[in-house]
Protein backbone atom coordinates (compact mmCIF):
# COMPACT_ATOMS: atom_id res chain seq x y z
CA MET A 1 -0.06 -0.04 0.07
CA HIS A 2 1.13 3.55 -0.54
CA PHE A 3 -0.39 7.12 -0.76
CA GLY A 4 1.46 9.98 0.84
CA SER A 5 -1.45 11.48 2.73
CA GLY A 6 -1.93 8.24 4.78
CA VAL A 7 -4.98 6.96 2.90
CA PRO A 8 -4.57 3.26 2.31
CA THR A 9 -4.91 2.27 -1.29
CA VAL A 10 -5.53 -0.82 -3.40
CA GLU A 11 -4.59 -1.46 -6.96
CA VAL A 12 -7.47 -2.29 -9.40
CA ALA A 13 -5.49 -5.50 -10.25
CA ASP A 14 -5.73 -6.64 -6.67
CA LEU A 15 -9.48 -6.32 -6.39
CA LYS A 16 -11.53 -9.63 -6.76
CA ASP A 17 -14.91 -9.77 -8.44
CA ASP A 18 -16.83 -10.03 -5.06
CA ASP A 19 -15.01 -7.14 -3.27
CA PHE A 20 -17.39 -4.50 -2.15
CA LEU A 21 -17.01 -1.22 -4.18
CA LEU A 22 -18.41 2.21 -3.12
CA ASP A 23 -18.68 4.57 -6.13
CA VAL A 24 -18.77 8.28 -4.98
CA ARG A 25 -18.93 9.83 -8.36
CA GLU A 26 -21.88 12.13 -9.49
CA ASP A 27 -25.15 10.79 -11.04
CA ASP A 28 -24.23 11.59 -14.63
CA GLU A 29 -20.83 9.83 -14.25
CA TRP A 30 -22.57 6.76 -12.72
CA GLN A 31 -25.10 6.63 -15.47
CA ALA A 32 -22.41 6.57 -18.20
CA GLY A 33 -20.92 3.62 -16.76
CA HIS A 34 -19.93 1.86 -13.43
CA ALA A 35 -18.64 -1.21 -11.94
CA GLU A 36 -21.35 -4.04 -11.75
CA GLY A 37 -22.60 -4.48 -8.19
CA ALA A 38 -21.08 -1.29 -6.84
CA LEU A 39 -22.94 0.85 -4.37
CA HIS A 40 -23.41 4.41 -5.59
CA ILE A 41 -23.40 7.30 -3.20
CA PRO A 42 -22.15 10.58 -4.61
CA ILE A 43 -19.59 12.52 -2.66
CA SER A 44 -21.90 15.44 -2.54
CA GLU A 45 -24.61 13.38 -0.75
CA PHE A 46 -22.35 11.15 1.31
CA VAL A 47 -22.70 12.40 4.74
CA ALA A 48 -26.49 12.57 4.43
CA ARG A 49 -26.72 9.10 3.03
CA TYR A 50 -24.01 7.46 5.24
CA GLY A 51 -26.58 5.00 6.63
CA GLU A 52 -27.05 3.38 3.22
CA LEU A 53 -23.49 2.40 3.31
CA THR A 54 -23.50 0.91 6.71
CA GLU A 55 -26.64 -1.14 5.73
CA ALA A 56 -25.13 -2.34 2.55
CA ALA A 57 -21.48 -2.88 3.48
CA PRO A 58 -20.28 -6.33 4.60
CA GLN A 59 -19.88 -6.46 8.34
CA ASP A 60 -16.30 -7.69 8.39
CA GLY A 61 -15.20 -6.73 4.89
CA LYS A 62 -13.27 -3.97 3.46
CA ILE A 63 -14.91 -0.95 1.61
CA ASN A 64 -13.15 -0.08 -1.57
CA VAL A 65 -13.96 3.37 -2.50
CA ILE A 66 -13.80 4.40 -6.14
CA CYS A 67 -14.23 7.62 -8.28
CA ARG A 68 -13.14 8.71 -11.65
CA SER A 69 -9.34 9.08 -10.93
CA GLY A 70 -8.87 8.64 -7.15
CA GLY A 71 -9.22 12.13 -5.66
CA ARG A 72 -12.81 12.15 -4.34
CA SER A 73 -12.56 8.55 -3.31
CA ALA A 74 -9.40 9.34 -1.24
CA GLN A 75 -11.38 11.95 0.73
CA VAL A 76 -14.30 9.50 1.40
CA ALA A 77 -11.82 6.58 2.21
CA MET A 78 -10.10 8.93 4.83
CA TYR A 79 -13.49 9.97 6.33
CA LEU A 80 -14.43 6.14 6.72
CA VAL A 81 -11.04 5.26 8.29
CA GLN A 82 -11.67 8.09 10.74
CA GLN A 83 -15.07 6.38 11.55
CA GLY A 84 -13.10 3.27 12.27
CA ILE A 85 -14.19 1.46 9.07
CA ASP A 86 -11.74 -0.58 7.09
CA ALA A 87 -11.69 1.42 3.84
CA VAL A 88 -9.22 1.84 1.08
CA ASN A 89 -8.92 4.04 -1.97
CA VAL A 90 -8.98 2.41 -5.41
CA ASP A 91 -5.78 3.81 -6.94
CA GLY A 92 -6.42 5.51 -10.26
CA GLY A 93 -10.28 5.03 -9.92
CA MET A 94 -12.68 4.06 -12.69
CA GLN A 95 -10.20 5.23 -15.41
CA VAL A 96 -7.72 2.51 -14.34
CA TRP A 97 -10.63 0.09 -13.88
CA ALA A 98 -11.77 0.60 -17.52
CA ALA A 99 -8.18 0.52 -18.90
CA ALA A 100 -7.58 -2.78 -17.17
CA GLY A 101 -10.47 -4.41 -19.01
CA ARG A 102 -12.72 -4.62 -16.07
CA PRO A 103 -16.48 -4.41 -16.93
CA VAL A 104 -18.10 -1.10 -17.08
CA VAL A 105 -21.86 -1.07 -17.35
CA THR A 106 -24.97 1.09 -17.38
CA ASP A 107 -28.07 0.74 -15.16
CA GLU A 108 -29.62 -1.33 -18.08
CA GLY A 109 -26.67 -3.70 -18.07
CA LYS A 110 -25.29 -2.46 -21.39
CA GLN A 111 -21.72 -1.53 -22.03
CA GLY A 112 -20.86 1.74 -20.39
CA PHE A 113 -17.97 4.05 -20.34
CA VAL A 114 -16.08 6.34 -17.92
CA LEU A 115 -16.86 10.06 -18.19
């Protein structure tokens, strides 16, 4: 793990298919394309909708936070770590996810793209 600001990070290549992903991008970005099975809570609504995360997250699992390139997700991961939650920032975000050939889908299950 690395990251100068002390936010733990994970590489896209190290994520398994069943790992829990939290996408904190805005609605238009999510609708263009996202990782299948990810939970979507935009960073702009995150504190207000925090309860949705605690309901959906695995009790003993790690929360992998993702955005477009890793900046917003680093902020959310840091916040979660401060709450005592095992959270990591996905290095490079959805841009690296897509570049690595990981699936990007729309809400209809069609091929999506990263805005």
